[in-house]
């Protein structure tokens, strides 16, 4: 009996300043646990109306294949998160979110799948559709490409870099 491979979508958001190197390190860590099959473009999301790079985040989605269970995958995703502390000794912010795991529907205190913001945030759905447009949302019974086409434009966001520049396929 061969091991079962699972497919997941993982959303990453990091501080824009210094984020490229941090993203490469996180992706290398994830590659130790599975395969990065696809990666969306990387977008810059401004957190203030002034659109300053110092307060912007880089955001993207990867399609990840692994033999880990959903609990193991969630543990790996959460282990990559870092909450920056305010002040001069600030560590960088890194947030990883498990958006989907196969076609699993789950609602628990620890994890909700598919992640509710997947279809509600225009930037997340756009990135997810780039990484795995054919994925059929198990609740809405539509592909991510279909959902992305009907989504509102992503405000306070713009293209930053090609996602493939962060990984070696």
N, C-alpha and C. Protein backbone atom coordinates (compact mmCIF):
# COMPACT_ATOMS: atom_id res chain seq x y z
N UNK A 1 0.84 -1.18 0.00
CA UNK A 1 0.00 0.00 0.00
C UNK A 1 0.89 1.25 0.00
N UNK A 2 0.70 2.10 -0.97
CA UNK A 2 1.54 3.30 -1.06
C UNK A 2 0.97 4.42 -0.19
N UNK A 3 1.86 5.25 0.34
CA UNK A 3 1.40 6.35 1.20
C UNK A 3 0.54 7.34 0.41
N UNK A 4 -0.40 7.96 1.11
CA UNK A 4 -1.32 8.90 0.48
C UNK A 4 -0.68 10.29 0.47
N UNK A 5 -0.70 10.93 -0.70
CA UNK A 5 -0.21 12.30 -0.81
C UNK A 5 -1.40 13.24 -0.68
N UNK A 6 -1.23 14.25 0.13
CA UNK A 6 -2.27 15.25 0.36
C UNK A 6 -1.85 16.56 -0.28
N UNK A 7 -2.83 17.32 -0.74
CA UNK A 7 -2.58 18.64 -1.32
C UNK A 7 -3.18 19.70 -0.42
N UNK A 8 -2.42 20.76 -0.22
CA UNK A 8 -2.87 21.85 0.65
C UNK A 8 -2.52 23.19 0.00
N UNK A 9 -3.25 24.21 0.40
CA UNK A 9 -2.90 25.58 0.05
C UNK A 9 -2.48 26.27 1.34
N UNK A 10 -1.34 26.95 1.30
CA UNK A 10 -0.82 27.66 2.47
C UNK A 10 -0.59 29.10 2.07
N UNK A 11 -1.13 29.99 2.88
CA UNK A 11 -1.02 31.43 2.67
C UNK A 11 0.10 31.97 3.56
N UNK A 12 1.00 32.76 2.98
CA UNK A 12 2.11 33.34 3.73
C UNK A 12 2.04 34.86 3.64
N UNK A 13 2.24 35.52 4.76
CA UNK A 13 2.34 36.96 4.80
C UNK A 13 3.51 37.33 5.70
N UNK A 14 4.40 38.18 5.17
CA UNK A 14 5.61 38.57 5.89
C UNK A 14 5.83 40.07 5.74
N UNK A 15 6.64 40.62 6.64
CA UNK A 15 7.03 42.02 6.47
C UNK A 15 7.69 42.18 5.12
N UNK A 16 7.37 43.24 4.41
CA UNK A 16 7.98 43.47 3.10
C UNK A 16 9.48 43.71 3.24
N UNK A 17 9.87 44.52 4.20
CA UNK A 17 11.29 44.81 4.41
C UNK A 17 11.95 43.56 5.00
N UNK A 18 12.86 42.97 4.27
CA UNK A 18 13.53 41.75 4.70
C UNK A 18 12.73 40.48 4.47
N UNK A 19 11.58 40.61 3.86
CA UNK A 19 10.69 39.46 3.70
C UNK A 19 11.13 38.44 2.67
N UNK A 20 11.84 38.87 1.65
CA UNK A 20 12.24 37.94 0.59
C UNK A 20 13.13 36.84 1.14
N UNK A 21 14.14 37.19 1.91
CA UNK A 21 15.03 36.18 2.48
C UNK A 21 14.29 35.30 3.49
N UNK A 22 13.43 35.92 4.28
CA UNK A 22 12.64 35.16 5.26
C UNK A 22 11.71 34.17 4.53
N UNK A 23 11.10 34.63 3.43
CA UNK A 23 10.22 33.75 2.65
C UNK A 23 10.99 32.57 2.09
N UNK A 24 12.18 32.81 1.57
CA UNK A 24 12.99 31.72 1.03
C UNK A 24 13.32 30.70 2.12
N UNK A 25 13.63 31.18 3.33
CA UNK A 25 13.94 30.28 4.44
C UNK A 25 12.71 29.46 4.84
N UNK A 26 11.54 30.11 4.91
CA UNK A 26 10.32 29.38 5.26
C UNK A 26 9.96 28.34 4.20
N UNK A 27 10.11 28.69 2.94
CA UNK A 27 9.81 27.75 1.87
C UNK A 27 10.78 26.57 1.88
N UNK A 28 12.04 26.83 2.21
CA UNK A 28 13.01 25.74 2.32
C UNK A 28 12.62 24.80 3.46
N UNK A 29 12.16 25.37 4.58
CA UNK A 29 11.71 24.56 5.72
C UNK A 29 10.50 23.71 5.33
N UNK A 30 9.54 24.32 4.62
CA UNK A 30 8.37 23.56 4.18
C UNK A 30 8.77 22.45 3.21
N UNK A 31 9.77 22.70 2.37
CA UNK A 31 10.21 21.71 1.38
C UNK A 31 10.78 20.46 2.03
N UNK A 32 11.21 20.57 3.29
CA UNK A 32 11.70 19.40 4.02
C UNK A 32 10.56 18.45 4.37
N UNK A 33 9.32 18.95 4.36
CA UNK A 33 8.16 18.15 4.77
C UNK A 33 7.25 17.76 3.61
N UNK A 34 7.57 18.22 2.42
CA UNK A 34 6.73 17.94 1.26
C UNK A 34 7.25 18.69 0.05
N UNK A 35 6.41 18.82 -0.95
CA UNK A 35 6.81 19.47 -2.20
C UNK A 35 5.98 20.72 -2.45
N UNK A 36 6.66 21.80 -2.81
CA UNK A 36 5.97 23.00 -3.26
C UNK A 36 5.72 22.81 -4.75
N UNK A 37 4.46 22.60 -5.10
CA UNK A 37 4.09 22.27 -6.47
C UNK A 37 3.86 23.54 -7.29
N UNK A 38 3.33 24.58 -6.65
CA UNK A 38 3.05 25.84 -7.35
C UNK A 38 3.10 26.98 -6.35
N UNK A 39 3.37 28.16 -6.88
CA UNK A 39 3.43 29.35 -6.04
C UNK A 39 2.81 30.51 -6.81
N UNK A 40 2.04 31.32 -6.12
CA UNK A 40 1.39 32.47 -6.77
C UNK A 40 2.41 33.60 -6.92
N UNK A 41 2.00 34.65 -7.60
CA UNK A 41 2.77 35.88 -7.60
C UNK A 41 2.81 36.40 -6.16
N UNK A 42 3.80 37.21 -5.87
CA UNK A 42 3.90 37.81 -4.54
C UNK A 42 3.37 39.24 -4.66
N UNK A 43 2.45 39.56 -3.79
CA UNK A 43 1.83 40.88 -3.80
C UNK A 43 2.27 41.67 -2.58
N UNK A 44 2.28 42.96 -2.74
CA UNK A 44 2.59 43.89 -1.67
C UNK A 44 1.26 44.46 -1.20
N UNK A 45 0.95 44.26 0.10
CA UNK A 45 -0.28 44.81 0.67
C UNK A 45 0.11 45.93 1.63
N UNK A 46 -0.40 47.11 1.35
CA UNK A 46 -0.13 48.25 2.21
C UNK A 46 -1.08 48.22 3.40
N UNK A 47 -0.56 48.51 4.57
CA UNK A 47 -1.36 48.47 5.79
C UNK A 47 -1.86 49.85 6.20
N UNK A 48 -1.38 50.89 5.49
CA UNK A 48 -1.80 52.25 5.78
C UNK A 48 -2.19 52.94 4.49
N UNK A 49 -3.05 53.94 4.56
CA UNK A 49 -3.45 54.65 3.34
C UNK A 49 -2.30 55.40 2.67
N UNK A 50 -1.23 55.68 3.41
CA UNK A 50 -0.08 56.38 2.84
C UNK A 50 0.74 55.50 1.91
N UNK A 51 0.48 54.18 1.92
CA UNK A 51 1.15 53.22 1.05
C UNK A 51 2.68 53.26 1.20
N UNK A 52 3.13 53.14 2.44
CA UNK A 52 4.56 53.14 2.74
C UNK A 52 5.08 51.71 2.77
N UNK A 53 6.23 51.48 2.13
CA UNK A 53 6.81 50.14 2.13
C UNK A 53 7.18 49.65 3.52
N UNK A 54 7.56 50.56 4.42
CA UNK A 54 7.96 50.15 5.76
C UNK A 54 6.82 49.50 6.54
N UNK A 55 5.59 49.81 6.17
CA UNK A 55 4.46 49.20 6.86
C UNK A 55 3.67 48.28 5.94
N UNK A 56 4.33 47.77 4.90
CA UNK A 56 3.66 46.88 3.95
C UNK A 56 4.04 45.43 4.24
N UNK A 57 3.23 44.53 3.73
CA UNK A 57 3.49 43.09 3.85
C UNK A 57 3.56 42.48 2.47
N UNK A 58 4.34 41.42 2.35
CA UNK A 58 4.35 40.63 1.13
C UNK A 58 3.48 39.40 1.39
N UNK A 59 2.63 39.07 0.41
CA UNK A 59 1.67 37.98 0.59
C UNK A 59 1.62 37.12 -0.65
N UNK A 60 1.51 35.79 -0.43
CA UNK A 60 1.41 34.85 -1.53
C UNK A 60 0.88 33.53 -1.02
N UNK A 61 0.54 32.64 -1.95
CA UNK A 61 -0.01 31.32 -1.61
C UNK A 61 0.80 30.25 -2.33
N UNK A 62 1.04 29.14 -1.63
CA UNK A 62 1.70 28.00 -2.27
C UNK A 62 0.76 26.80 -2.28
N UNK A 63 0.92 25.99 -3.30
CA UNK A 63 0.28 24.67 -3.31
C UNK A 63 1.33 23.69 -2.84
N UNK A 64 0.99 22.93 -1.82
CA UNK A 64 1.93 22.08 -1.11
C UNK A 64 1.42 20.65 -1.11
N UNK A 65 2.27 19.70 -1.48
CA UNK A 65 1.91 18.28 -1.43
C UNK A 65 2.77 17.59 -0.40
N UNK A 66 2.12 16.77 0.43
CA UNK A 66 2.82 16.12 1.53
C UNK A 66 2.15 14.80 1.87
N UNK A 67 2.88 13.98 2.61
CA UNK A 67 2.31 12.74 3.13
C UNK A 67 1.89 12.91 4.58
N UNK A 68 2.06 14.11 5.13
CA UNK A 68 1.67 14.38 6.51
C UNK A 68 0.14 14.41 6.64
N UNK A 69 -0.32 14.17 7.86
CA UNK A 69 -1.74 14.31 8.16
C UNK A 69 -2.06 15.79 8.29
N UNK A 70 -3.34 16.11 8.38
CA UNK A 70 -3.74 17.50 8.52
C UNK A 70 -3.19 18.10 9.82
N UNK A 71 -3.17 17.33 10.91
CA UNK A 71 -2.63 17.82 12.18
C UNK A 71 -1.13 18.08 12.08
N UNK A 72 -0.40 17.19 11.42
CA UNK A 72 1.03 17.39 11.24
C UNK A 72 1.30 18.61 10.37
N UNK A 73 0.51 18.77 9.32
CA UNK A 73 0.68 19.92 8.43
C UNK A 73 0.39 21.22 9.18
N UNK A 74 -0.66 21.23 9.97
CA UNK A 74 -0.99 22.41 10.77
C UNK A 74 0.15 22.75 11.73
N UNK A 75 0.75 21.74 12.34
CA UNK A 75 1.86 21.98 13.26
C UNK A 75 3.04 22.63 12.52
N UNK A 76 3.36 22.14 11.34
CA UNK A 76 4.46 22.72 10.56
C UNK A 76 4.13 24.16 10.18
N UNK A 77 2.90 24.40 9.75
CA UNK A 77 2.49 25.75 9.37
C UNK A 77 2.60 26.69 10.57
N UNK A 78 2.08 26.28 11.71
CA UNK A 78 2.12 27.15 12.89
C UNK A 78 3.54 27.36 13.41
N UNK A 79 4.41 26.40 13.21
CA UNK A 79 5.79 26.55 13.68
C UNK A 79 6.55 27.60 12.88
N UNK A 80 6.06 27.96 11.71
CA UNK A 80 6.71 28.99 10.90
C UNK A 80 6.25 30.39 11.22
N UNK A 81 5.27 30.54 12.09
CA UNK A 81 4.73 31.86 12.42
C UNK A 81 5.60 32.56 13.45
N UNK A 82 5.76 33.86 13.26
CA UNK A 82 6.47 34.70 14.22
C UNK A 82 5.70 35.99 14.34
N UNK A 83 5.48 36.43 15.54
CA UNK A 83 4.80 37.71 15.78
C UNK A 83 5.87 38.72 16.16
N UNK A 84 6.04 39.72 15.34
CA UNK A 84 7.04 40.76 15.62
C UNK A 84 6.66 41.55 16.87
N UNK A 85 7.66 41.90 17.66
CA UNK A 85 7.45 42.72 18.85
C UNK A 85 7.72 44.18 18.51
N UNK A 86 6.99 45.12 19.09
CA UNK A 86 7.23 46.53 18.78
C UNK A 86 8.56 47.00 19.37
N UNK A 87 9.11 48.05 18.78
CA UNK A 87 10.34 48.63 19.32
C UNK A 87 11.54 48.35 18.44
N UNK A 88 12.70 48.75 18.95
CA UNK A 88 13.93 48.64 18.17
C UNK A 88 14.39 47.21 17.98
N UNK A 89 14.02 46.31 18.88
CA UNK A 89 14.45 44.92 18.78
C UNK A 89 13.40 44.06 18.08
N UNK A 90 12.64 44.66 17.20
CA UNK A 90 11.52 43.97 16.56
C UNK A 90 11.99 42.78 15.73
N UNK A 91 11.39 41.64 15.98
CA UNK A 91 11.58 40.48 15.12
C UNK A 91 10.61 40.61 13.96
N UNK A 92 10.92 40.00 12.87
CA UNK A 92 10.04 40.11 11.71
C UNK A 92 8.73 39.37 11.94
N UNK A 93 7.72 39.83 11.27
CA UNK A 93 6.39 39.22 11.32
C UNK A 93 6.34 38.15 10.23
N UNK A 94 5.89 36.98 10.57
CA UNK A 94 5.66 35.92 9.59
C UNK A 94 4.40 35.17 10.01
N UNK A 95 3.46 35.11 9.10
CA UNK A 95 2.21 34.42 9.39
C UNK A 95 1.95 33.42 8.27
N UNK A 96 1.70 32.19 8.64
CA UNK A 96 1.35 31.15 7.69
C UNK A 96 -0.03 30.64 8.08
N UNK A 97 -0.87 30.43 7.08
CA UNK A 97 -2.23 29.98 7.33
C UNK A 97 -2.55 28.81 6.40
N UNK A 98 -3.04 27.73 6.98
CA UNK A 98 -3.48 26.59 6.20
C UNK A 98 -4.86 26.92 5.65
N UNK A 99 -4.95 27.10 4.33
CA UNK A 99 -6.21 27.48 3.69
C UNK A 99 -7.08 26.27 3.35
N UNK A 100 -6.45 25.23 2.80
CA UNK A 100 -7.18 24.02 2.42
C UNK A 100 -6.29 22.81 2.69
N UNK A 101 -6.92 21.66 2.85
CA UNK A 101 -6.21 20.39 2.95
C UNK A 101 -7.09 19.38 2.26
N UNK A 102 -6.66 18.95 1.07
CA UNK A 102 -7.48 18.12 0.19
C UNK A 102 -8.85 18.78 0.04
N UNK A 103 -9.91 18.01 0.11
CA UNK A 103 -11.26 18.60 0.04
C UNK A 103 -11.93 18.55 1.41
N UNK A 104 -11.11 18.59 2.45
CA UNK A 104 -11.60 18.47 3.82
C UNK A 104 -12.42 19.69 4.23
N UNK A 105 -13.53 19.40 4.91
CA UNK A 105 -14.35 20.43 5.55
C UNK A 105 -14.24 20.16 7.04
N UNK A 106 -13.78 21.16 7.79
CA UNK A 106 -13.54 20.99 9.21
C UNK A 106 -13.84 22.29 9.94
N UNK A 107 -14.51 22.17 11.06
CA UNK A 107 -14.78 23.35 11.88
C UNK A 107 -14.55 22.94 13.33
N UNK A 108 -13.40 23.37 13.84
CA UNK A 108 -13.04 23.06 15.23
C UNK A 108 -12.40 24.30 15.84
N UNK A 109 -12.22 24.32 17.15
CA UNK A 109 -11.56 25.48 17.76
C UNK A 109 -10.14 25.70 17.24
N UNK A 110 -9.45 24.64 16.84
CA UNK A 110 -8.07 24.75 16.36
C UNK A 110 -7.97 25.09 14.88
N UNK A 111 -8.93 24.65 14.09
CA UNK A 111 -8.77 24.76 12.65
C UNK A 111 -10.13 24.76 11.95
N UNK A 112 -10.28 25.67 11.00
CA UNK A 112 -11.46 25.69 10.13
C UNK A 112 -10.96 25.53 8.70
N UNK A 113 -11.48 24.54 8.01
CA UNK A 113 -11.12 24.29 6.61
C UNK A 113 -12.37 24.16 5.78
N UNK A 114 -12.40 24.70 4.60
CA UNK A 114 -11.46 25.67 4.08
C UNK A 114 -11.48 26.94 4.94
N UNK A 115 -10.34 27.62 4.96
CA UNK A 115 -10.19 28.82 5.77
C UNK A 115 -11.22 29.87 5.32
N UNK A 116 -11.99 30.45 6.23
CA UNK A 116 -13.07 31.38 5.84
C UNK A 116 -12.62 32.57 5.00
N UNK A 117 -11.42 33.11 5.25
CA UNK A 117 -10.95 34.26 4.47
C UNK A 117 -10.55 33.87 3.04
N UNK A 118 -10.48 32.57 2.76
CA UNK A 118 -10.09 32.12 1.43
C UNK A 118 -10.94 32.77 0.35
N UNK A 119 -12.23 32.79 0.53
CA UNK A 119 -13.11 33.36 -0.50
C UNK A 119 -13.56 34.78 -0.16
N UNK A 120 -13.26 35.28 1.05
CA UNK A 120 -13.71 36.61 1.45
C UNK A 120 -12.69 37.70 1.16
N UNK A 121 -11.41 37.39 1.19
CA UNK A 121 -10.36 38.38 0.95
C UNK A 121 -9.96 38.31 -0.53
N UNK A 122 -10.17 39.40 -1.28
CA UNK A 122 -9.88 39.37 -2.72
C UNK A 122 -8.43 39.04 -3.06
N UNK A 123 -7.48 39.44 -2.22
CA UNK A 123 -6.08 39.14 -2.51
C UNK A 123 -5.77 37.67 -2.25
N UNK A 124 -6.30 37.12 -1.18
CA UNK A 124 -6.06 35.71 -0.87
C UNK A 124 -6.66 34.82 -1.96
N UNK A 125 -7.88 35.10 -2.39
CA UNK A 125 -8.49 34.25 -3.43
C UNK A 125 -7.74 34.39 -4.75
N UNK A 126 -7.27 35.58 -5.06
CA UNK A 126 -6.50 35.77 -6.30
C UNK A 126 -5.21 34.94 -6.25
N UNK A 127 -4.50 35.01 -5.14
CA UNK A 127 -3.26 34.23 -4.99
C UNK A 127 -3.54 32.73 -5.01
N UNK A 128 -4.59 32.31 -4.30
CA UNK A 128 -4.94 30.89 -4.26
C UNK A 128 -5.30 30.37 -5.64
N UNK A 129 -6.02 31.18 -6.42
CA UNK A 129 -6.39 30.77 -7.78
C UNK A 129 -5.15 30.66 -8.67
N UNK A 130 -4.16 31.51 -8.45
CA UNK A 130 -2.92 31.39 -9.22
C UNK A 130 -2.19 30.10 -8.88
N UNK A 131 -2.19 29.73 -7.60
CA UNK A 131 -1.46 28.54 -7.17
C UNK A 131 -2.19 27.24 -7.51
N UNK A 132 -3.54 27.28 -7.50
CA UNK A 132 -4.30 26.05 -7.77
C UNK A 132 -5.71 26.42 -8.22
N UNK A 133 -5.81 26.96 -9.39
CA UNK A 133 -7.09 27.43 -9.91
C UNK A 133 -8.15 26.36 -10.08
N UNK A 134 -7.75 25.11 -10.29
CA UNK A 134 -8.69 24.02 -10.52
C UNK A 134 -9.28 23.47 -9.22
N UNK A 135 -8.70 23.84 -8.07
CA UNK A 135 -9.21 23.33 -6.79
C UNK A 135 -10.68 23.71 -6.65
N UNK A 136 -11.52 22.72 -6.37
CA UNK A 136 -12.94 22.98 -6.19
C UNK A 136 -13.24 23.17 -4.72
N UNK A 137 -13.75 24.35 -4.40
CA UNK A 137 -14.11 24.67 -3.02
C UNK A 137 -15.19 23.68 -2.59
N UNK A 138 -14.96 22.91 -1.52
CA UNK A 138 -15.90 21.85 -1.16
C UNK A 138 -17.26 22.34 -0.67
N UNK A 139 -17.37 23.59 -0.31
CA UNK A 139 -18.67 24.12 0.14
C UNK A 139 -19.39 24.82 -1.01
N UNK A 140 -18.67 25.67 -1.75
CA UNK A 140 -19.30 26.44 -2.83
C UNK A 140 -19.38 25.68 -4.14
N UNK A 141 -18.69 24.56 -4.24
CA UNK A 141 -18.73 23.72 -5.44
C UNK A 141 -18.34 24.52 -6.69
N UNK A 142 -17.39 25.44 -6.54
CA UNK A 142 -16.84 26.21 -7.65
C UNK A 142 -15.33 26.14 -7.55
N UNK A 143 -14.67 26.25 -8.70
CA UNK A 143 -13.21 26.27 -8.68
C UNK A 143 -12.72 27.62 -8.14
N UNK A 144 -11.49 27.63 -7.66
CA UNK A 144 -10.94 28.89 -7.16
C UNK A 144 -10.84 29.92 -8.28
N UNK A 145 -10.60 29.47 -9.50
CA UNK A 145 -10.57 30.40 -10.64
C UNK A 145 -11.93 31.08 -10.83
N UNK A 146 -13.01 30.30 -10.72
CA UNK A 146 -14.35 30.88 -10.85
C UNK A 146 -14.64 31.87 -9.72
N UNK A 147 -14.26 31.52 -8.50
CA UNK A 147 -14.50 32.41 -7.37
C UNK A 147 -13.68 33.68 -7.53
N UNK A 148 -12.43 33.56 -7.98
CA UNK A 148 -11.55 34.73 -8.16
C UNK A 148 -12.08 35.67 -9.23
N UNK A 149 -12.66 35.12 -10.29
CA UNK A 149 -13.20 35.98 -11.36
C UNK A 149 -14.33 36.87 -10.86
N UNK A 150 -15.09 36.42 -9.89
CA UNK A 150 -16.20 37.21 -9.39
C UNK A 150 -15.84 38.03 -8.14
N UNK A 151 -14.58 37.94 -7.69
CA UNK A 151 -14.16 38.67 -6.49
C UNK A 151 -13.93 40.14 -6.80
N UNK A 152 -14.09 40.96 -5.79
CA UNK A 152 -13.79 42.39 -5.92
C UNK A 152 -12.29 42.58 -6.12
N UNK A 153 -11.88 43.72 -6.68
CA UNK A 153 -10.44 43.97 -6.80
C UNK A 153 -9.78 44.07 -5.42
N UNK A 154 -8.54 43.66 -5.34
CA UNK A 154 -7.80 43.73 -4.07
C UNK A 154 -7.37 45.18 -3.86
N UNK A 155 -7.85 45.79 -2.79
CA UNK A 155 -7.50 47.17 -2.50
C UNK A 155 -6.21 47.20 -1.69
N UNK A 156 -5.51 48.30 -1.79
CA UNK A 156 -4.27 48.49 -1.04
C UNK A 156 -3.24 47.40 -1.35
N UNK A 157 -3.28 46.80 -2.54
CA UNK A 157 -2.34 45.75 -2.90
C UNK A 157 -1.89 45.93 -4.34
N UNK A 158 -0.65 45.50 -4.60
CA UNK A 158 -0.12 45.56 -5.96
C UNK A 158 0.90 44.43 -6.13
N UNK A 159 1.13 44.07 -7.38
CA UNK A 159 2.12 43.04 -7.70
C UNK A 159 3.49 43.47 -7.17
N UNK A 160 4.23 42.51 -6.60
CA UNK A 160 5.56 42.81 -6.08
C UNK A 160 6.64 42.07 -6.88
N UNK A 161 6.63 40.72 -6.82
CA UNK A 161 7.61 39.93 -7.57
C UNK A 161 6.96 38.60 -8.00
N UNK A 162 7.61 37.93 -8.94
CA UNK A 162 7.17 36.60 -9.33
C UNK A 162 7.46 35.62 -8.19
N UNK A 163 6.49 34.80 -7.84
CA UNK A 163 6.67 33.84 -6.76
C UNK A 163 7.77 32.84 -7.05
N UNK A 164 7.93 32.47 -8.32
CA UNK A 164 8.92 31.44 -8.65
C UNK A 164 10.34 31.91 -8.35
N UNK A 165 10.54 33.20 -8.16
CA UNK A 165 11.88 33.68 -7.79
C UNK A 165 12.25 33.30 -6.36
N UNK A 166 11.28 32.83 -5.58
CA UNK A 166 11.55 32.44 -4.19
C UNK A 166 11.90 30.98 -4.02
N UNK A 167 11.65 30.16 -5.05
CA UNK A 167 11.89 28.72 -4.94
C UNK A 167 12.56 28.20 -6.20
N UNK A 168 13.20 27.05 -6.05
CA UNK A 168 13.78 26.33 -7.19
C UNK A 168 12.92 25.11 -7.44
N UNK A 169 12.19 25.09 -8.55
CA UNK A 169 11.32 23.95 -8.85
C UNK A 169 12.12 22.85 -9.48
